[in-house]
C-alpha atoms as a PDB file:
ATOM      1  CA  MET A   1      60.249  45.745 -13.400  1.00  0.00           C
ATOM      2  CA  GLN A   2      58.006  43.515 -15.447  1.00  0.00           C
ATOM      3  CA  GLY A   3      58.236  40.733 -12.800  1.00  0.00           C
ATOM      4  CA  GLY A   4      57.068  43.112 -10.149  1.00  0.00           C
ATOM      5  CA  LEU A   5      54.060  44.275 -12.327  1.00  0.00           C
ATOM      6  CA  SER A   6      53.091  40.743 -12.907  1.00  0.00           C
ATOM      7  CA  LYS A   7      53.190  39.976  -9.229  1.00  0.00           C
ATOM      8  CA  ALA A   8      51.067  42.969  -8.478  1.00  0.00           C
ATOM      9  CA  CYS A   9      48.438  42.027 -11.143  1.00  0.00           C
ATOM     10  CA  ALA A  10      48.379  38.478  -9.812  1.00  0.00           C
ATOM     11  CA  PHE A  11      47.839  39.874  -6.237  1.00  0.00           C
ATOM     12  CA  ASP A  12      44.979  42.077  -7.491  1.00  0.00           C
ATOM     13  CA  LEU A  13      43.353  39.209  -9.333  1.00  0.00           C
ATOM     14  CA  THR A  14      43.755  36.962  -6.369  1.00  0.00           C
ATOM     15  CA  HIS A  15      42.323  39.660  -4.090  1.00  0.00           C
ATOM     16  CA  MET A  16      39.364  40.125  -6.432  1.00  0.00           C
ATOM     17  CA  GLU A  17      38.712  36.394  -6.659  1.00  0.00           C
ATOM     18  CA  SER A  18      38.758  36.199  -2.881  1.00  0.00           C
ATOM     19  CA  GLY A  19      36.304  39.101  -2.610  1.00  0.00           C
ATOM     20  CA  LYS A  20      33.915  37.364  -4.972  1.00  0.00           C
ATOM     21  CA  LEU A  21      34.246  34.133  -3.118  1.00  0.00           C
ATOM     22  CA  GLN A  22      33.602  35.899   0.117  1.00  0.00           C
ATOM     23  CA  ALA A  23      30.601  37.635  -1.323  1.00  0.00           C
ATOM     24  CA  ALA A  24      29.264  34.361  -2.754  1.00  0.00           C
ATOM     25  CA  TYR A  25      29.804  32.671   0.652  1.00  0.00           C
ATOM     26  CA  ASP A  26      27.998  35.501   2.415  1.00  0.00           C
ATOM     27  CA  ASN A  27      25.157  35.328  -0.046  1.00  0.00           C
ATOM     28  CA  PHE A  28      24.868  31.542   0.304  1.00  0.00           C
ATOM     29  CA  SER A  29      25.031  31.738   4.097  1.00  0.00           C
ATOM     30  CA  GLY A  30      22.254  34.327   4.063  1.00  0.00           C
ATOM     31  CA  ARG A  31      20.075  32.219   1.904  1.00  0.00           C
ATOM     32  CA  MET A  32      20.593  29.185   4.100  1.00  0.00           C
ATOM     33  CA  VAL A  33      19.666  31.191   7.238  1.00  0.00           C
ATOM     34  CA  ILE A  34      16.448  32.293   5.524  1.00  0.00           C
ATOM     35  CA  ILE A  35      15.656  28.704   4.405  1.00  0.00           C
ATOM     36  CA  MET A  36      16.210  27.335   7.869  1.00  0.00           C
ATOM     37  CA  LYS A  37      14.006  30.071   9.454  1.00  0.00           C
ATOM     38  CA  LYS A  38      11.186  29.205   6.990  1.00  0.00           C
ATOM     39  CA  HIS A  39      11.589  25.581   7.706  1.00  0.00           C
ATOM     40  CA  LYS A  40      11.412  26.087  11.418  1.00  0.00           C
ATOM     41  CA  THR A  41       8.361  28.354  11.037  1.00  0.00           C
ATOM     42  CA  LYS A  42       6.571  25.798   8.846  1.00  0.00           C
ATOM     43  CA  LYS A  43       7.384  23.010  11.260  1.00  0.00           C
ATOM     44  CA  HIS A  44       6.112  25.048  14.150  1.00  0.00           C
ATOM     45  CA  THR A  45       2.885  25.949  12.250  1.00  0.00           C
ATOM     46  CA  THR A  46       2.297  22.375  11.241  1.00  0.00           C
ATOM     47  CA  LYS A  47       2.789  21.193  14.883  1.00  0.00           C
ATOM     48  CA  HIS A  48       0.431  23.885  16.137  1.00  0.00           C
ATOM     49  CA  ALA A  49      -2.166  23.011  13.457  1.00  0.00           C
ATOM     50  CA  THR A  50      -2.314  19.371  14.501  1.00  0.00           C
ATOM     51  CA  LYS A  51      -2.641  20.211  18.184  1.00  0.00           C
ATOM     52  CA  GLY A  52      -5.965  18.995  19.788  1.00  0.00           C
ATOM     53  CA  PHE A  53      -8.636  20.978  21.583  1.00  0.00           C
ATOM     54  CA  SER A  54      -7.775  22.567  24.935  1.00  0.00           C
ATOM     55  CA  LEU A  55      -9.719  21.826  28.052  1.00  0.00           C
ATOM     56  CA  ILE A  56     -11.261  25.219  27.978  1.00  0.00           C
ATOM     57  CA  GLU A  57     -12.538  24.722  24.475  1.00  0.00           C
ATOM     58  CA  LEU A  58     -14.122  21.355  25.363  1.00  0.00           C
ATOM     59  CA  LEU A  59     -15.798  22.852  28.442  1.00  0.00           C
ATOM     60  CA  ILE A  60     -17.236  25.671  26.224  1.00  0.00           C
ATOM     61  CA  VAL A  61     -18.625  23.059  23.796  1.00  0.00           C
ATOM     62  CA  VAL A  62     -20.056  21.022  26.616  1.00  0.00           C
ATOM     63  CA  ALA A  63     -21.707  24.210  28.132  1.00  0.00           C
ATOM     64  CA  ILE A  64     -23.291  25.079  24.846  1.00  0.00           C
ATOM     65  CA  ILE A  65     -24.769  21.620  24.400  1.00  0.00           C
ATOM     66  CA  LEU A  66     -26.201  21.741  27.918  1.00  0.00           C
ATOM     67  CA  ILE A  67     -27.836  25.072  27.257  1.00  0.00           C
ATOM     68  CA  ILE A  68     -29.405  23.782  24.078  1.00  0.00           C
ATOM     69  CA  ALA A  69     -30.656  20.757  25.834  1.00  0.00           C
ATOM     70  CA  ALA A  70     -32.121  22.789  28.644  1.00  0.00           C
ATOM     71  CA  ILE A  71     -34.091  24.827  26.071  1.00  0.00           C
ATOM     72  CA  ALA A  72     -35.194  21.935  23.888  1.00  0.00           C
ATOM     73  CA  ILE A  73     -36.157  19.186  26.469  1.00  0.00           C
ATOM     74  CA  PRO A  74     -39.050  21.192  28.130  1.00  0.00           C
ATOM     75  CA  ASN A  75     -40.465  22.069  24.697  1.00  0.00           C
ATOM     76  CA  LEU A  76     -40.259  18.353  23.655  1.00  0.00           C
ATOM     77  CA  LEU A  77     -41.926  17.319  26.828  1.00  0.00           C
ATOM     78  CA  ARG A  78     -44.851  19.794  26.355  1.00  0.00           C
ATOM     79  CA  SER A  79     -45.212  18.589  22.781  1.00  0.00           C
ATOM     80  CA  ARG A  80     -45.395  14.947  23.992  1.00  0.00           C
ATOM     81  CA  ILE A  81     -47.966  15.826  26.654  1.00  0.00           C
ATOM     82  CA  ALA A  82     -50.141  17.659  24.070  1.00  0.00           C
ATOM     83  CA  ALA A  83     -49.982  14.740  21.659  1.00  0.00           C
ATOM     84  CA  ASN A  84     -50.895  12.183  24.378  1.00  0.00           C
ATOM     85  CA  GLU A  85     -53.796  14.320  25.581  1.00  0.00           C
ATOM     86  CA  ALA A  86     -55.119  14.604  21.981  1.00  0.00           C
ATOM     87  CA  SER A  87     -54.852  10.868  21.623  1.00  0.00           C
ATOM     88  CA  ALA A  88     -56.667  10.317  24.914  1.00  0.00           C
ATOM     89  CA  VAL A  89     -59.568  12.507  23.758  1.00  0.00           C
ATOM     90  CA  GLY A  90     -59.678  10.582  20.424  1.00  0.00           C
ATOM     91  CA  SER A  91     -59.683   7.283  22.241  1.00  0.00           C
ATOM     92  CA  LEU A  92     -62.608   8.361  24.465  1.00  0.00           C
ATOM     93  CA  ARG A  93     -64.494   9.289  21.337  1.00  0.00           C
ATOM     94  CA  THR A  94     -63.746   5.827  19.893  1.00  0.00           C
ATOM     95  CA  VAL A  95     -65.087   4.309  23.114  1.00  0.00           C
ATOM     96  CA  ASN A  96     -68.279   6.303  22.849  1.00  0.00           C
ATOM     97  CA  VAL A  97     -68.864   5.197  19.264  1.00  0.00           C
ATOM     98  CA  ALA A  98     -68.043   1.649  20.202  1.00  0.00           C
ATOM     99  CA  GLU A  99     -70.530   1.730  23.141  1.00  0.00           C
ATOM    100  CA  ILE A 100     -73.252   2.917  20.819  1.00  0.00           C
ATOM    101  CA  THR A 101     -72.497   0.112  18.400  1.00  0.00           C
ATOM    102  CA  TYR A 102     -72.251  -2.410  21.167  1.00  0.00           C
ATOM    103  CA  ASN A 103     -75.669  -1.370  22.624  1.00  0.00           C
ATOM    104  CA  THR A 104     -77.245  -1.585  19.213  1.00  0.00           C
ATOM    105  CA  SER A 105     -75.632  -4.976  18.408  1.00  0.00           C
ATOM    106  CA  TYR A 106     -76.455  -6.555  21.861  1.00  0.00           C
ATOM    107  CA  PRO A 107     -79.744  -4.777  23.079  1.00  0.00           C
ATOM    108  CA  MET A 108     -80.247  -7.450  25.691  1.00  0.00           C
ATOM    109  CA  VAL A 109     -76.855  -6.592  27.304  1.00  0.00           C
ATOM    110  CA  GLY A 110     -77.002  -2.857  26.885  1.00  0.00           C
ATOM    111  CA  PHE A 111     -73.726  -0.868  27.157  1.00  0.00           C
ATOM    112  CA  ALA A 112     -70.440  -2.630  27.661  1.00  0.00           C
ATOM    113  CA  CYS A 113     -69.205  -2.557  31.260  1.00  0.00           C
ATOM    114  CA  THR A 114     -65.474  -3.212  30.340  1.00  0.00           C
ATOM    115  CA  LEU A 115     -63.139  -2.324  27.650  1.00  0.00           C
ATOM    116  CA  GLY A 116     -62.383  -6.019  27.005  1.00  0.00           C
ATOM    117  CA  ALA A 117     -65.995  -6.608  26.054  1.00  0.00           C
ATOM    118  CA  MET A 118     -65.476  -4.245  23.095  1.00  0.00           C
ATOM    119  CA  GLY A 119     -61.999  -5.575  22.263  1.00  0.00           C
ATOM    120  CA  PRO A 120     -61.107  -7.933  19.447  1.00  0.00           C
ATOM    121  CA  PRO A 121     -61.844 -11.688  19.665  1.00  0.00           C
ATOM    122  CA  SER A 122     -58.945 -14.090  19.931  1.00  0.00           C
ATOM    123  CA  GLY A 123     -57.841 -15.922  16.854  1.00  0.00           C
ATOM    124  CA  SER A 124     -60.641 -16.835  14.398  1.00  0.00           C
ATOM    125  CA  THR A 125     -63.326 -16.644  17.049  1.00  0.00           C
ATOM    126  CA  ALA A 126     -66.415 -14.777  15.964  1.00  0.00           C
ATOM    127  CA  ALA A 127     -67.359 -11.504  17.547  1.00  0.00           C
ATOM    128  CA  SER A 128     -69.640 -11.719  20.549  1.00  0.00           C
ATOM    129  CA  SER A 129     -70.831  -9.692  23.518  1.00  0.00           C
ATOM    130  CA  THR A 130     -67.666 -10.639  25.433  1.00  0.00           C
ATOM    131  CA  ALA A 131     -65.305  -9.663  22.608  1.00  0.00           C
ATOM    132  CA  ALA A 132     -67.151  -7.476  20.122  1.00  0.00           C
ATOM    133  CA  GLY A 133     -64.155  -6.342  18.035  1.00  0.00           C
ATOM    134  CA  LEU A 134     -65.071  -2.678  18.185  1.00  0.00           C
ATOM    135  CA  ILE A 135     -61.790  -1.203  19.572  1.00  0.00           C
ATOM    136  CA  ASP A 136     -58.132  -2.090  19.028  1.00  0.00           C
ATOM    137  CA  SER A 137     -56.225  -4.409  21.379  1.00  0.00           C
ATOM    138  CA  ASN A 138     -54.153  -1.545  22.890  1.00  0.00           C
ATOM    139  CA  LEU A 139     -57.270   0.407  23.999  1.00  0.00           C
ATOM    140  CA  ALA A 140     -58.959  -2.823  25.088  1.00  0.00           C
ATOM    141  CA  GLY A 141     -55.919  -3.516  27.261  1.00  0.00           C
ATOM    142  CA  GLY A 142     -56.475  -0.251  29.119  1.00  0.00           C
ATOM    143  CA  THR A 143     -53.254   1.726  28.231  1.00  0.00           C
ATOM    144  CA  LYS A 144     -52.499   3.724  25.162  1.00  0.00           C
ATOM    145  CA  SER A 145     -50.305   6.633  24.407  1.00  0.00           C
ATOM    146  CA  GLY A 146     -49.424   7.469  28.005  1.00  0.00           C
ATOM    147  CA  TYR A 147     -52.980   7.197  29.304  1.00  0.00           C
ATOM    148  CA  SER A 148     -54.912   4.591  31.300  1.00  0.00           C
ATOM    149  CA  PHE A 149     -58.576   3.966  30.335  1.00  0.00           C
ATOM    150  CA  THR A 150     -61.453   2.451  32.241  1.00  0.00           C
ATOM    151  CA  VAL A 151     -65.134   1.746  31.452  1.00  0.00           C
ATOM    152  CA  ALA A 152     -67.746   1.132  34.154  1.00  0.00           C
ATOM    153  CA  CYS A 153     -71.500   0.594  34.111  1.00  0.00           C
ATOM    154  CA  ILE A 154     -73.755   2.853  35.968  1.00  0.00           C
ATOM    155  CA  GLY A 155     -76.696   1.447  37.803  1.00  0.00           C
ATOM    156  CA  SER A 156     -77.859  -2.157  38.072  1.00  0.00           C
ATOM    157  CA  GLY A 157     -80.025  -4.486  36.109  1.00  0.00           C
ATOM    158  CA  THR A 158     -79.951  -5.611  32.444  1.00  0.00           C
ATOM    159  CA  PRO A 159     -79.776  -4.145  29.915  1.00  0.00           C
ATOM    160  CA  THR A 160     -77.231  -1.530  31.109  1.00  0.00           C
ATOM    161  CA  VAL A 161     -78.567   1.942  30.332  1.00  0.00           C
ATOM    162  CA  ASN A 162     -75.547   4.069  31.224  1.00  0.00           C
ATOM    163  CA  TYR A 163     -71.720   3.908  31.525  1.00  0.00           C
ATOM    164  CA  GLN A 164     -68.756   6.098  32.439  1.00  0.00           C
ATOM    165  CA  SER A 165     -65.381   6.052  30.701  1.00  0.00           C
ATOM    166  CA  THR A 166     -62.222   7.748  32.001  1.00  0.00           C
ATOM    167  CA  ALA A 167     -58.702   8.476  30.825  1.00  0.00           C
ATOM    168  CA  ALA A 168     -55.892   9.263  33.317  1.00  0.00           C
ATOM    169  CA  PRO A 169     -52.234   9.939  32.595  1.00  0.00           C
ATOM    170  CA  VAL A 170     -49.963   7.077  33.469  1.00  0.00           C
ATOM    171  CA  SER A 171     -47.496   9.578  34.971  1.00  0.00           C
ATOM    172  CA  ALA A 172     -49.089  12.926  35.822  1.00  0.00           C
ATOM    173  CA  GLY A 173     -47.047  15.810  34.517  1.00  0.00           C
ATOM    174  CA  VAL A 174     -44.972  13.527  32.315  1.00  0.00           C
ATOM    175  CA  THR A 175     -47.281  11.568  29.999  1.00  0.00           C
ATOM    176  CA  GLY A 176     -50.178  13.950  30.395  1.00  0.00           C
ATOM    177  CA  GLN A 177     -51.466  16.918  32.559  1.00  0.00           C
ATOM    178  CA  ARG A 178     -55.311  16.617  32.321  1.00  0.00           C
ATOM    179  CA  TYR A 179     -57.871  13.911  33.190  1.00  0.00           C
ATOM    180  CA  PHE A 180     -60.704  13.138  30.781  1.00  0.00           C
ATOM    181  CA  CYS A 181     -64.054  11.390  31.115  1.00  0.00           C
ATOM    182  CA  SER A 182     -67.284  10.749  29.317  1.00  0.00           C
ATOM    183  CA  ASP A 183     -70.619   8.832  29.556  1.00  0.00           C
ATOM    184  CA  ALA A 184     -73.627   7.778  27.571  1.00  0.00           C
ATOM    185  CA  SER A 185     -74.332  11.425  26.623  1.00  0.00           C
ATOM    186  CA  GLY A 186     -71.158  11.375  24.516  1.00  0.00           C
ATOM    187  CA  VAL A 187     -69.870  14.622  26.006  1.00  0.00           C
ATOM    188  CA  ILE A 188     -66.142  14.474  26.770  1.00  0.00           C
ATOM    189  CA  LYS A 189     -65.007  16.500  29.773  1.00  0.00           C
ATOM    190  CA  TYR A 190     -61.724  17.214  31.485  1.00  0.00           C
ATOM    191  CA  ASP A 191     -60.307  18.157  34.932  1.00  0.00           C
ATOM    192  CA  ALA A 192     -56.827  19.105  36.096  1.00  0.00           C
ATOM    193  CA  THR A 193     -56.895  17.034  39.319  1.00  0.00           C
ATOM    194  CA  SER A 194     -58.565  13.647  38.953  1.00  0.00           C
ATOM    195  CA  THR A 195     -61.043  11.498  37.040  1.00  0.00           C
ATOM    196  CA  ASP A 196     -63.516  11.602  39.964  1.00  0.00           C
ATOM    197  CA  ASN A 197     -63.655  15.335  39.776  1.00  0.00           C
ATOM    198  CA  CYS A 198     -63.925  15.094  35.991  1.00  0.00           C
ATOM    199  CA  LEU A 199     -66.991  12.900  36.258  1.00  0.00           C
ATOM    200  CA  THR A 200     -68.783  15.272  38.823  1.00  0.00           C
ATOM    201  CA  ASN A 201     -67.380  18.831  37.964  1.00  0.00           C
ATOM    202  CA  GLY A 202     -65.576  18.416  34.684  1.00  0.00           C
ATOM    203  CA  SER A 203     -65.466  21.022  31.928  1.00  0.00           C
ATOM    204  CA  PRO A 204     -66.671  20.003  28.513  1.00  0.00           C
ATOM    205  CA  ILE A 205     -64.080  20.101  25.713  1.00  0.00           C
END
């Protein structure tokens, strides 16, 4: 009788231990499944995060850049043209002042018939009627800030009593829009078509 009771108790204990072991195993297995799922999700997320831009995304970026450029470039061109035109008017004023100074300094010659005659002398050479040093070398060379400049005497004989100066854009519509001119009166005029029209029918600035 006692032996049978002992065997029954042992069986119950063994059964209880097996149940605990099974529960522990199930718990452990469940935890491992969760951990593996988290690991796979993290790996997938990391892989997705390091993925580069798609072709569509790159095309969108390029399209945005092109739109911005299409808006900015015309404004930049207009600003450049306005700056060049203002510089051209300033250069003609400089030529007018230089012509008056030249005429005063060399009364036997009168007004200068070329830009070079008012330009700087070479080296240590003293100023003279052929290089009076009244304007800078760029302007004396005939091109400055997108404009070409000329000076010509009006009439014949010495001393020269009148002159005409002109400023034309090097590339019309790109470096400048308007044409400018002046003469011994000191009035600066402009025209939208040519320097010839400016000299005959130009509008004063």
